[in-house]
């Protein structure tokens, strides 16, 4: 189950309404994730990871307690070596999206 409260506390987000507003959702949507009634969509998983949610907070204890930024920092490619329109940047973006989709698929199958 997604750990919304841990994430909000760590990031200084006051309540579910504030998080919902940031994500363009209703407080009810956030509440349903928190209670385990529903899971965030792939797009919302991406947004939460980009906001700094850890993989463990999003997908559960079996996943590493690292953020997307931490994961990017592990990359052997120095991102300052290329601009946002370069083929290397596009490849990096595709890898990032693939990792998120893979983890999302593992989460859904549980």
PDB file of N, CA and C in Angstrom:
ATOM      1  N   UNK A   1       0.843  -1.184   0.000  1.00  0.00           N
ATOM      2  CA  UNK A   1       0.000   0.000   0.000  1.00  0.00           C
ATOM      3  C   UNK A   1       0.890   1.250   0.000  1.00  0.00           C
ATOM      4  N   UNK A   2       0.479   2.230  -0.746  1.00  0.00           N
ATOM      5  CA  UNK A   2       1.232   3.472  -0.875  1.00  0.00           C
ATOM      6  C   UNK A   2       1.313   4.197   0.474  1.00  0.00           C
ATOM      7  N   UNK A   3       2.464   4.751   0.753  1.00  0.00           N
ATOM      8  CA  UNK A   3       2.694   5.420   2.043  1.00  0.00           C
ATOM      9  C   UNK A   3       2.592   6.942   1.876  1.00  0.00           C
ATOM     10  N   UNK A   4       1.389   7.390   1.642  1.00  0.00           N
ATOM     11  CA  UNK A   4       1.150   8.811   1.413  1.00  0.00           C
ATOM     12  C   UNK A   4       1.550   9.652   2.619  1.00  0.00           C
ATOM     13  N   UNK A   5       1.165   9.219   3.808  1.00  0.00           N
ATOM     14  CA  UNK A   5       1.438  10.027   5.001  1.00  0.00           C
ATOM     15  C   UNK A   5       2.929  10.200   5.253  1.00  0.00           C
ATOM     16  N   UNK A   6       3.702   9.127   5.077  1.00  0.00           N
ATOM     17  CA  UNK A   6       5.159   9.219   5.252  1.00  0.00           C
ATOM     18  C   UNK A   6       5.744  10.229   4.271  1.00  0.00           C
ATOM     19  N   UNK A   7       5.314  10.122   3.022  1.00  0.00           N
ATOM     20  CA  UNK A   7       5.809  11.025   1.983  1.00  0.00           C
ATOM     21  C   UNK A   7       5.450  12.471   2.309  1.00  0.00           C
ATOM     22  N   UNK A   8       4.194  12.713   2.665  1.00  0.00           N
ATOM     23  CA  UNK A   8       3.762  14.085   2.947  1.00  0.00           C
ATOM     24  C   UNK A   8       4.530  14.664   4.135  1.00  0.00           C
ATOM     25  N   UNK A   9       4.723  13.871   5.166  1.00  0.00           N
ATOM     26  CA  UNK A   9       5.463  14.350   6.341  1.00  0.00           C
ATOM     27  C   UNK A   9       6.914  14.686   5.966  1.00  0.00           C
ATOM     28  N   UNK A  10       7.540  13.796   5.220  1.00  0.00           N
ATOM     29  CA  UNK A  10       8.936  14.003   4.834  1.00  0.00           C
ATOM     30  C   UNK A  10       9.104  15.240   3.951  1.00  0.00           C
ATOM     31  N   UNK A  11       8.121  15.483   3.085  1.00  0.00           N
ATOM     32  CA  UNK A  11       8.197  16.612   2.146  1.00  0.00           C
ATOM     33  C   UNK A  11       7.576  17.895   2.696  1.00  0.00           C
ATOM     34  N   UNK A  12       6.991  17.847   3.889  1.00  0.00           N
ATOM     35  CA  UNK A  12       6.389  19.038   4.482  1.00  0.00           C
ATOM     36  C   UNK A  12       5.055  19.424   3.860  1.00  0.00           C
ATOM     37  N   UNK A  13       4.370  18.448   3.291  1.00  0.00           N
ATOM     38  CA  UNK A  13       3.040  18.684   2.722  1.00  0.00           C
ATOM     39  C   UNK A  13       2.039  18.567   3.869  1.00  0.00           C
ATOM     40  N   UNK A  14       1.246  19.615   4.074  1.00  0.00           N
ATOM     41  CA  UNK A  14       0.404  19.715   5.264  1.00  0.00           C
ATOM     42  C   UNK A  14      -0.717  18.686   5.344  1.00  0.00           C
ATOM     43  N   UNK A  15      -1.363  18.414   4.211  1.00  0.00           N
ATOM     44  CA  UNK A  15      -2.503  17.496   4.248  1.00  0.00           C
ATOM     45  C   UNK A  15      -2.782  16.937   2.854  1.00  0.00           C
ATOM     46  N   UNK A  16      -3.716  16.006   2.792  1.00  0.00           N
ATOM     47  CA  UNK A  16      -4.047  15.368   1.516  1.00  0.00           C
ATOM     48  C   UNK A  16      -4.627  16.363   0.521  1.00  0.00           C
ATOM     49  N   UNK A  17      -5.337  17.362   1.001  1.00  0.00           N
ATOM     50  CA  UNK A  17      -5.905  18.379   0.117  1.00  0.00           C
ATOM     51  C   UNK A  17      -4.804  19.148  -0.598  1.00  0.00           C
ATOM     52  N   UNK A  18      -3.744  19.490   0.125  1.00  0.00           N
ATOM     53  CA  UNK A  18      -2.612  20.203  -0.483  1.00  0.00           C
ATOM     54  C   UNK A  18      -1.935  19.339  -1.550  1.00  0.00           C
ATOM     55  N   UNK A  19      -1.731  18.068  -1.243  1.00  0.00           N
ATOM     56  CA  UNK A  19      -1.130  17.157  -2.211  1.00  0.00           C
ATOM     57  C   UNK A  19      -2.033  17.001  -3.425  1.00  0.00           C
ATOM     58  N   UNK A  20      -3.321  16.835  -3.179  1.00  0.00           N
ATOM     59  CA  UNK A  20      -4.288  16.680  -4.272  1.00  0.00           C
ATOM     60  C   UNK A  20      -4.251  17.887  -5.201  1.00  0.00           C
ATOM     61  N   UNK A  21      -4.209  19.067  -4.632  1.00  0.00           N
ATOM     62  CA  UNK A  21      -4.168  20.297  -5.432  1.00  0.00           C
ATOM     63  C   UNK A  21      -2.900  20.339  -6.291  1.00  0.00           C
ATOM     64  N   UNK A  22      -1.785  19.945  -5.716  1.00  0.00           N
ATOM     65  CA  UNK A  22      -0.514  19.914  -6.445  1.00  0.00           C
ATOM     66  C   UNK A  22      -0.589  18.959  -7.635  1.00  0.00           C
ATOM     67  N   UNK A  23      -1.272  17.835  -7.451  1.00  0.00           N
ATOM     68  CA  UNK A  23      -1.369  16.814  -8.495  1.00  0.00           C
ATOM     69  C   UNK A  23      -2.563  17.015  -9.429  1.00  0.00           C
ATOM     70  N   UNK A  24      -3.411  17.987  -9.122  1.00  0.00           N
ATOM     71  CA  UNK A  24      -4.596  18.218  -9.950  1.00  0.00           C
ATOM     72  C   UNK A  24      -5.679  17.168  -9.731  1.00  0.00           C
ATOM     73  N   UNK A  25      -5.774  16.664  -8.500  1.00  0.00           N
ATOM     74  CA  UNK A  25      -6.740  15.625  -8.149  1.00  0.00           C
ATOM     75  C   UNK A  25      -7.639  16.105  -7.022  1.00  0.00           C
ATOM     76  N   UNK A  26      -8.537  15.245  -6.609  1.00  0.00           N
ATOM     77  CA  UNK A  26      -9.365  15.536  -5.449  1.00  0.00           C
ATOM     78  C   UNK A  26      -8.733  14.912  -4.211  1.00  0.00           C
ATOM     79  N   UNK A  27      -9.119  15.412  -3.062  1.00  0.00           N
ATOM     80  CA  UNK A  27      -8.638  14.842  -1.808  1.00  0.00           C
ATOM     81  C   UNK A  27      -9.126  13.403  -1.692  1.00  0.00           C
ATOM     82  N   UNK A  28     -10.290  13.111  -2.231  1.00  0.00           N
ATOM     83  CA  UNK A  28     -10.832  11.749  -2.200  1.00  0.00           C
ATOM     84  C   UNK A  28      -9.951  10.753  -2.939  1.00  0.00           C
ATOM     85  N   UNK A  29      -9.351  11.186  -4.038  1.00  0.00           N
ATOM     86  CA  UNK A  29      -8.441  10.306  -4.785  1.00  0.00           C
ATOM     87  C   UNK A  29      -7.230   9.949  -3.927  1.00  0.00           C
ATOM     88  N   UNK A  30      -6.672  10.954  -3.266  1.00  0.00           N
ATOM     89  CA  UNK A  30      -5.512  10.717  -2.399  1.00  0.00           C
ATOM     90  C   UNK A  30      -5.906   9.797  -1.244  1.00  0.00           C
ATOM     91  N   UNK A  31      -7.073  10.032  -0.668  1.00  0.00           N
ATOM     92  CA  UNK A  31      -7.564   9.216   0.438  1.00  0.00           C
ATOM     93  C   UNK A  31      -7.735   7.757   0.009  1.00  0.00           C
ATOM     94  N   UNK A  32      -8.222   7.546  -1.208  1.00  0.00           N
ATOM     95  CA  UNK A  32      -8.418   6.167  -1.682  1.00  0.00           C
ATOM     96  C   UNK A  32      -7.083   5.448  -1.880  1.00  0.00           C
ATOM     97  N   UNK A  33      -6.029   6.180  -2.257  1.00  0.00           N
ATOM     98  CA  UNK A  33      -4.697   5.569  -2.348  1.00  0.00           C
ATOM     99  C   UNK A  33      -4.223   5.205  -0.951  1.00  0.00           C
ATOM    100  N   UNK A  34      -4.409   6.134  -0.022  1.00  0.00           N
ATOM    101  CA  UNK A  34      -3.931   5.961   1.344  1.00  0.00           C
ATOM    102  C   UNK A  34      -4.595   4.765   2.020  1.00  0.00           C
ATOM    103  N   UNK A  35      -5.864   4.540   1.728  1.00  0.00           N
ATOM    104  CA  UNK A  35      -6.591   3.434   2.351  1.00  0.00           C
ATOM    105  C   UNK A  35      -6.411   2.111   1.602  1.00  0.00           C
ATOM    106  N   UNK A  36      -5.818   2.168   0.406  1.00  0.00           N
ATOM    107  CA  UNK A  36      -5.604   0.959  -0.376  1.00  0.00           C
ATOM    108  C   UNK A  36      -6.782   0.575  -1.252  1.00  0.00           C
ATOM    109  N   UNK A  37      -7.804   1.416  -1.298  1.00  0.00           N
ATOM    110  CA  UNK A  37      -8.971   1.139  -2.136  1.00  0.00           C
ATOM    111  C   UNK A  37      -8.603   1.228  -3.609  1.00  0.00           C
ATOM    112  N   UNK A  38      -7.763   2.178  -3.940  1.00  0.00           N
ATOM    113  CA  UNK A  38      -7.313   2.371  -5.313  1.00  0.00           C
ATOM    114  C   UNK A  38      -5.801   2.579  -5.317  1.00  0.00           C
ATOM    115  N   UNK A  39      -5.226   2.435  -6.498  1.00  0.00           N
ATOM    116  CA  UNK A  39      -3.797   2.707  -6.697  1.00  0.00           C
ATOM    117  C   UNK A  39      -3.655   3.860  -7.672  1.00  0.00           C
ATOM    118  N   UNK A  40      -2.588   4.631  -7.537  1.00  0.00           N
ATOM    119  CA  UNK A  40      -2.380   5.722  -8.488  1.00  0.00           C
ATOM    120  C   UNK A  40      -2.133   5.184  -9.893  1.00  0.00           C
ATOM    121  N   UNK A  41      -2.527   5.958 -10.884  1.00  0.00           N
ATOM    122  CA  UNK A  41      -2.247   5.597 -12.274  1.00  0.00           C
ATOM    123  C   UNK A  41      -0.750   5.698 -12.534  1.00  0.00           C
ATOM    124  N   UNK A  42      -0.331   5.175 -13.671  1.00  0.00           N
ATOM    125  CA  UNK A  42       1.075   5.293 -14.049  1.00  0.00           C
ATOM    126  C   UNK A  42       1.504   6.755 -14.054  1.00  0.00           C
ATOM    127  N   UNK A  43       0.663   7.617 -14.617  1.00  0.00           N
ATOM    128  CA  UNK A  43       0.999   9.042 -14.699  1.00  0.00           C
ATOM    129  C   UNK A  43       1.169   9.656 -13.313  1.00  0.00           C
ATOM    130  N   UNK A  44       0.309   9.254 -12.376  1.00  0.00           N
ATOM    131  CA  UNK A  44       0.430   9.777 -11.012  1.00  0.00           C
ATOM    132  C   UNK A  44       1.657   9.212 -10.317  1.00  0.00           C
ATOM    133  N   UNK A  45       1.991   7.942 -10.587  1.00  0.00           N
ATOM    134  CA  UNK A  45       3.232   7.368 -10.041  1.00  0.00           C
ATOM    135  C   UNK A  45       4.432   8.182 -10.503  1.00  0.00           C
ATOM    136  N   UNK A  46       4.444   8.513 -11.770  1.00  0.00           N
ATOM    137  CA  UNK A  46       5.541   9.317 -12.319  1.00  0.00           C
ATOM    138  C   UNK A  46       5.603  10.658 -11.600  1.00  0.00           C
ATOM    139  N   UNK A  47       4.443  11.319 -11.446  1.00  0.00           N
ATOM    140  CA  UNK A  47       4.415  12.628 -10.774  1.00  0.00           C
ATOM    141  C   UNK A  47       4.910  12.518  -9.338  1.00  0.00           C
ATOM    142  N   UNK A  48       4.460  11.505  -8.613  1.00  0.00           N
ATOM    143  CA  UNK A  48       4.882  11.327  -7.231  1.00  0.00           C
ATOM    144  C   UNK A  48       6.388  11.070  -7.136  1.00  0.00           C
ATOM    145  N   UNK A  49       6.906  10.240  -8.031  1.00  0.00           N
ATOM    146  CA  UNK A  49       8.348   9.980  -8.035  1.00  0.00           C
ATOM    147  C   UNK A  49       9.127  11.249  -8.368  1.00  0.00           C
ATOM    148  N   UNK A  50       8.615  12.022  -9.301  1.00  0.00           N
ATOM    149  CA  UNK A  50       9.285  13.282  -9.654  1.00  0.00           C
ATOM    150  C   UNK A  50       9.219  14.294  -8.511  1.00  0.00           C
ATOM    151  N   UNK A  51       8.205  14.188  -7.665  1.00  0.00           N
ATOM    152  CA  UNK A  51       8.091  15.070  -6.497  1.00  0.00           C
ATOM    153  C   UNK A  51       9.026  14.643  -5.366  1.00  0.00           C
ATOM    154  N   UNK A  52       9.613  13.452  -5.487  1.00  0.00           N
ATOM    155  CA  UNK A  52      10.563  13.005  -4.479  1.00  0.00           C
ATOM    156  C   UNK A  52      10.104  11.840  -3.626  1.00  0.00           C
ATOM    157  N   UNK A  53       8.981  11.211  -3.995  1.00  0.00           N
ATOM    158  CA  UNK A  53       8.544  10.023  -3.266  1.00  0.00           C
ATOM    159  C   UNK A  53       9.565   8.911  -3.515  1.00  0.00           C
ATOM    160  N   UNK A  54       9.855   8.128  -2.497  1.00  0.00           N
ATOM    161  CA  UNK A  54      10.776   7.010  -2.688  1.00  0.00           C
ATOM    162  C   UNK A  54      10.029   5.845  -3.321  1.00  0.00           C
ATOM    163  N   UNK A  55      10.781   4.957  -3.939  1.00  0.00           N
ATOM    164  CA  UNK A  55      10.179   3.759  -4.526  1.00  0.00           C
ATOM    165  C   UNK A  55       9.520   2.917  -3.429  1.00  0.00           C
ATOM    166  N   UNK A  56      10.122   2.867  -2.248  1.00  0.00           N
ATOM    167  CA  UNK A  56       9.545   2.113  -1.131  1.00  0.00           C
ATOM    168  C   UNK A  56       8.217   2.728  -0.694  1.00  0.00           C
ATOM    169  N   UNK A  57       8.151   4.061  -0.595  1.00  0.00           N
ATOM    170  CA  UNK A  57       6.898   4.718  -0.209  1.00  0.00           C
ATOM    171  C   UNK A  57       5.796   4.447  -1.236  1.00  0.00           C
ATOM    172  N   UNK A  58       6.165   4.383  -2.498  1.00  0.00           N
ATOM    173  CA  UNK A  58       5.174   4.197  -3.550  1.00  0.00           C
ATOM    174  C   UNK A  58       4.791   2.735  -3.764  1.00  0.00           C
ATOM    175  N   UNK A  59       5.789   1.847  -3.784  1.00  0.00           N
ATOM    176  CA  UNK A  59       5.533   0.463  -4.184  1.00  0.00           C
ATOM    177  C   UNK A  59       5.614  -0.566  -3.053  1.00  0.00           C
ATOM    178  N   UNK A  60       6.162  -0.216  -1.894  1.00  0.00           N
ATOM    179  CA  UNK A  60       6.200  -1.162  -0.779  1.00  0.00           C
ATOM    180  C   UNK A  60       7.601  -1.531  -0.337  1.00  0.00           C
ATOM    181  N   UNK A  61       7.664  -2.310   0.731  1.00  0.00           N
ATOM    182  CA  UNK A  61       8.927  -2.645   1.392  1.00  0.00           C
ATOM    183  C   UNK A  61       9.911  -3.421   0.528  1.00  0.00           C
ATOM    184  N   UNK A  62       9.443  -4.086  -0.509  1.00  0.00           N
ATOM    185  CA  UNK A  62      10.332  -4.880  -1.348  1.00  0.00           C
ATOM    186  C   UNK A  62      11.208  -4.003  -2.257  1.00  0.00           C
ATOM    187  N   UNK A  63      10.887  -2.723  -2.306  1.00  0.00           N
ATOM    188  CA  UNK A  63      11.586  -1.821  -3.222  1.00  0.00           C
ATOM    189  C   UNK A  63      12.571  -0.943  -2.456  1.00  0.00           C
ATOM    190  N   UNK A  64      13.578  -0.447  -3.153  1.00  0.00           N
ATOM    191  CA  UNK A  64      14.601   0.350  -2.470  1.00  0.00           C
ATOM    192  C   UNK A  64      14.051   1.679  -1.954  1.00  0.00           C
ATOM    193  N   UNK A  65      14.628   2.135  -0.870  1.00  0.00           N
ATOM    194  CA  UNK A  65      14.227   3.398  -0.259  1.00  0.00           C
ATOM    195  C   UNK A  65      15.026   4.538  -0.893  1.00  0.00           C
ATOM    196  N   UNK A  66      14.879   4.678  -2.202  1.00  0.00           N
ATOM    197  CA  UNK A  66      15.573   5.725  -2.942  1.00  0.00           C
ATOM    198  C   UNK A  66      14.564   6.488  -3.786  1.00  0.00           C
ATOM    199  N   UNK A  67      14.931   7.699  -4.115  1.00  0.00           N
ATOM    200  CA  UNK A  67      14.085   8.527  -4.968  1.00  0.00           C
ATOM    201  C   UNK A  67      14.533   8.395  -6.419  1.00  0.00           C
ATOM    202  N   UNK A  68      13.722   8.928  -7.300  1.00  0.00           N
ATOM    203  CA  UNK A  68      14.081   8.957  -8.713  1.00  0.00           C
ATOM    204  C   UNK A  68      15.371   9.754  -8.908  1.00  0.00           C
ATOM    205  N   UNK A  69      15.520  10.842  -8.164  1.00  0.00           N
ATOM    206  CA  UNK A  69      16.741  11.648  -8.250  1.00  0.00           C
ATOM    207  C   UNK A  69      17.955  10.842  -7.800  1.00  0.00           C
ATOM    208  N   UNK A  70      17.792  10.033  -6.743  1.00  0.00           N
ATOM    209  CA  UNK A  70      18.888   9.160  -6.290  1.00  0.00           C
ATOM    210  C   UNK A  70      19.265   8.180  -7.389  1.00  0.00           C
ATOM    211  N   UNK A  71      18.250   7.611  -8.029  1.00  0.00           N
ATOM    212  CA  UNK A  71      18.480   6.640  -9.085  1.00  0.00           C
ATOM    213  C   UNK A  71      19.210   7.284 -10.256  1.00  0.00           C
ATOM    214  N   UNK A  72      18.799   8.480 -10.613  1.00  0.00           N
ATOM    215  CA  UNK A  72      19.463   9.187 -11.706  1.00  0.00           C
ATOM    216  C   UNK A  72      20.917   9.467 -11.351  1.00  0.00           C
ATOM    217  N   UNK A  73      21.177   9.735 -10.067  1.00  0.00           N
ATOM    218  CA  UNK A  73      22.536   9.995  -9.620  1.00  0.00           C
ATOM    219  C   UNK A  73      23.435   8.785  -9.747  1.00  0.00           C
ATOM    220  N   UNK A  74      22.839   7.583  -9.823  1.00  0.00           N
ATOM    221  CA  UNK A  74      23.608   6.358  -9.970  1.00  0.00           C
ATOM    222  C   UNK A  74      23.998   6.097 -11.410  1.00  0.00           C
ATOM    223  N   UNK A  75      23.418   6.852 -12.322  1.00  0.00           N
ATOM    224  CA  UNK A  75      23.667   6.648 -13.743  1.00  0.00           C
ATOM    225  C   UNK A  75      25.128   6.925 -14.080  1.00  0.00           C
ATOM    226  N   UNK A  76      25.738   6.079 -14.910  1.00  0.00           N
ATOM    227  CA  UNK A  76      27.120   6.320 -15.308  1.00  0.00           C
ATOM    228  C   UNK A  76      27.237   7.479 -16.290  1.00  0.00           C
ATOM    229  N   UNK A  77      26.109   7.937 -16.832  1.00  0.00           N
ATOM    230  CA  UNK A  77      26.129   9.038 -17.793  1.00  0.00           C
ATOM    231  C   UNK A  77      26.059  10.353 -17.040  1.00  0.00           C
ATOM    232  N   UNK A  78      26.962  11.272 -17.360  1.00  0.00           N
ATOM    233  CA  UNK A  78      26.941  12.601 -16.766  1.00  0.00           C
ATOM    234  C   UNK A  78      25.955  13.458 -17.548  1.00  0.00           C
ATOM    235  N   UNK A  79      24.831  13.773 -16.954  1.00  0.00           N
ATOM    236  CA  UNK A  79      23.773  14.477 -17.655  1.00  0.00           C
ATOM    237  C   UNK A  79      24.168  15.886 -18.084  1.00  0.00           C
ATOM    238  N   UNK A  80      25.174  16.453 -17.460  1.00  0.00           N
ATOM    239  CA  UNK A  80      25.608  17.790 -17.869  1.00  0.00           C
ATOM    240  C   UNK A  80      26.389  17.744 -19.184  1.00  0.00           C
ATOM    241  N   UNK A  81      26.708  16.549 -19.663  1.00  0.00           N
ATOM    242  CA  UNK A  81      27.459  16.410 -20.908  1.00  0.00           C
ATOM    243  C   UNK A  81      26.593  16.546 -22.149  1.00  0.00           C
ATOM    244  N   UNK A  82      25.284  16.619 -21.984  1.00  0.00           N
ATOM    245  CA  UNK A  82      24.420  16.743 -23.154  1.00  0.00           C
ATOM    246  C   UNK A  82      23.216  17.612 -22.842  1.00  0.00           C
ATOM    247  N   UNK A  83      22.624  18.173 -23.880  1.00  0.00           N
ATOM    248  CA  UNK A  83      21.462  19.037 -23.683  1.00  0.00           C
ATOM    249  C   UNK A  83      20.179  18.233 -23.783  1.00  0.00           C
ATOM    250  N   UNK A  84      19.058  18.883 -23.472  1.00  0.00           N
ATOM    251  CA  UNK A  84      17.783  18.176 -23.385  1.00  0.00           C
ATOM    252  C   UNK A  84      17.268  17.675 -24.731  1.00  0.00           C
ATOM    253  N   UNK A  85      17.825  18.135 -25.840  1.00  0.00           N
ATOM    254  CA  UNK A  85      17.370  17.666 -27.142  1.00  0.00           C
ATOM    255  C   UNK A  85      18.257  16.604 -27.756  1.00  0.00           C
ATOM    256  N   UNK A  86      19.282  16.198 -27.054  1.00  0.00           N
ATOM    257  CA  UNK A  86      20.243  15.250 -27.612  1.00  0.00           C
ATOM    258  C   UNK A  86      19.696  13.827 -27.596  1.00  0.00           C
ATOM    259  N   UNK A  87      20.240  12.963 -28.460  1.00  0.00           N
ATOM    260  CA  UNK A  87      19.826  11.553 -28.445  1.00  0.00           C
ATOM    261  C   UNK A  87      20.091  10.881 -27.099  1.00  0.00           C
ATOM    262  N   UNK A  88      21.176  11.286 -26.431  1.00  0.00           N
ATOM    263  CA  UNK A  88      21.491  10.693 -25.131  1.00  0.00           C
ATOM    264  C   UNK A  88      20.414  11.037 -24.107  1.00  0.00           C
ATOM    265  N   UNK A  89      19.940  12.282 -24.151  1.00  0.00           N
ATOM    266  CA  UNK A  89      18.887  12.703 -23.228  1.00  0.00           C
ATOM    267  C   UNK A  89      17.607  11.912 -23.501  1.00  0.00           C
ATOM    268  N   UNK A  90      17.267  11.750 -24.758  1.00  0.00           N
ATOM    269  CA  UNK A  90      16.064  11.000 -25.125  1.00  0.00           C
ATOM    270  C   UNK A  90      16.171   9.546 -24.667  1.00  0.00           C
ATOM    271  N   UNK A  91      17.350   8.944 -24.821  1.00  0.00           N
ATOM    272  CA  UNK A  91      17.571   7.580 -24.366  1.00  0.00           C
ATOM    273  C   UNK A  91      17.399   7.501 -22.853  1.00  0.00           C
ATOM    274  N   UNK A  92      17.984   8.457 -22.124  1.00  0.00           N
ATOM    275  CA  UNK A  92      17.891   8.481 -20.676  1.00  0.00           C
ATOM    276  C   UNK A  92      16.435   8.594 -20.236  1.00  0.00           C
ATOM    277  N   UNK A  93      15.661   9.411 -20.913  1.00  0.00           N
ATOM    278  CA  UNK A  93      14.245   9.586 -20.601  1.00  0.00           C
ATOM    279  C   UNK A  93      13.484   8.277 -20.825  1.00  0.00           C
ATOM    280  N   UNK A  94      13.809   7.566 -21.908  1.00  0.00           N
ATOM    281  CA  UNK A  94      13.145   6.293 -22.185  1.00  0.00           C
ATOM    282  C   UNK A  94      13.495   5.250 -21.128  1.00  0.00           C
ATOM    283  N   UNK A  95      14.746   5.234 -20.682  1.00  0.00           N
ATOM    284  CA  UNK A  95      15.157   4.306 -19.625  1.00  0.00           C
ATOM    285  C   UNK A  95      14.397   4.624 -18.341  1.00  0.00           C
ATOM    286  N   UNK A  96      14.324   5.906 -17.997  1.00  0.00           N
ATOM    287  CA  UNK A  96      13.595   6.324 -16.796  1.00  0.00           C
ATOM    288  C   UNK A  96      12.135   5.870 -16.869  1.00  0.00           C
ATOM    289  N   UNK A  97      11.485   6.122 -17.981  1.00  0.00           N
ATOM    290  CA  UNK A  97      10.090   5.716 -18.156  1.00  0.00           C
ATOM    291  C   UNK A  97       9.934   4.198 -18.067  1.00  0.00           C
ATOM    292  N   UNK A  98      10.883   3.460 -18.632  1.00  0.00           N
ATOM    293  CA  UNK A  98      10.825   1.995 -18.598  1.00  0.00           C
ATOM    294  C   UNK A  98      10.943   1.468 -17.176  1.00  0.00           C
ATOM    295  N   UNK A  99      11.840   2.055 -16.392  1.00  0.00           N
ATOM    296  CA  UNK A  99      12.010   1.619 -15.002  1.00  0.00           C
ATOM    297  C   UNK A  99      10.738   1.878 -14.218  1.00  0.00           C
ATOM    298  N   UNK A 100      10.147   3.045 -14.407  1.00  0.00           N
ATOM    299  CA  UNK A 100       8.913   3.373 -13.698  1.00  0.00           C
ATOM    300  C   UNK A 100       7.800   2.422 -14.103  1.00  0.00           C
ATOM    301  N   UNK A 101       7.686   2.127 -15.396  1.00  0.00           N
ATOM    302  CA  UNK A 101       6.650   1.191 -15.858  1.00  0.00           C
ATOM    303  C   UNK A 101       6.880  -0.211 -15.292  1.00  0.00           C
ATOM    304  N   UNK A 102       8.127  -0.657 -15.290  1.00  0.00           N
ATOM    305  CA  UNK A 102       8.447  -1.975 -14.742  1.00  0.00           C
ATOM    306  C   UNK A 102       8.051  -2.063 -13.280  1.00  0.00           C
ATOM    307  N   UNK A 103       8.442  -1.078 -12.508  1.00  0.00           N
ATOM    308  CA  UNK A 103       8.097  -1.090 -11.080  1.00  0.00           C
ATOM    309  C   UNK A 103       6.595  -0.986 -10.885  1.00  0.00           C
ATOM    310  N   UNK A 104       5.945  -0.188 -11.715  1.00  0.00           N
ATOM    311  CA  UNK A 104       4.494  -0.072 -11.642  1.00  0.00           C
ATOM    312  C   UNK A 104       3.813  -1.394 -11.943  1.00  0.00           C
ATOM    313  N   UNK A 105       4.309  -2.122 -12.930  1.00  0.00           N
ATOM    314  CA  UNK A 105       3.734  -3.422 -13.266  1.00  0.00           C
ATOM    315  C   UNK A 105       3.932  -4.419 -12.133  1.00  0.00           C
ATOM    316  N   UNK A 106       5.072  -4.384 -11.494  1.00  0.00           N
ATOM    317  CA  UNK A 106       5.318  -5.269 -10.354  1.00  0.00           C
ATOM    318  C   UNK A 106       4.353  -4.940  -9.225  1.00  0.00           C
ATOM    319  N   UNK A 107       4.109  -3.658  -9.011  1.00  0.00           N
ATOM    320  CA  UNK A 107       3.216  -3.200  -7.957  1.00  0.00           C
ATOM    321  C   UNK A 107       1.784  -3.670  -8.221  1.00  0.00           C
ATOM    322  N   UNK A 108       1.320  -3.536  -9.429  1.00  0.00           N
ATOM    323  CA  UNK A 108      -0.056  -3.889  -9.788  1.00  0.00           C
ATOM    324  C   UNK A 108      -0.303  -5.381  -9.659  1.00  0.00           C
ATOM    325  N   UNK A 109       0.697  -6.201  -9.954  1.00  0.00           N
ATOM    326  CA  UNK A 109       0.521  -7.658  -9.950  1.00  0.00           C
ATOM    327  C   UNK A 109       0.468  -8.240  -8.541  1.00  0.00           C
ATOM    328  N   UNK A 110       0.771  -7.457  -7.521  1.00  0.00           N
ATOM    329  CA  UNK A 110       0.782  -7.973  -6.134  1.00  0.00           C
ATOM    330  C   UNK A 110      -0.603  -8.224  -5.653  1.00  0.00           C
TER     331      UNK A 110
END
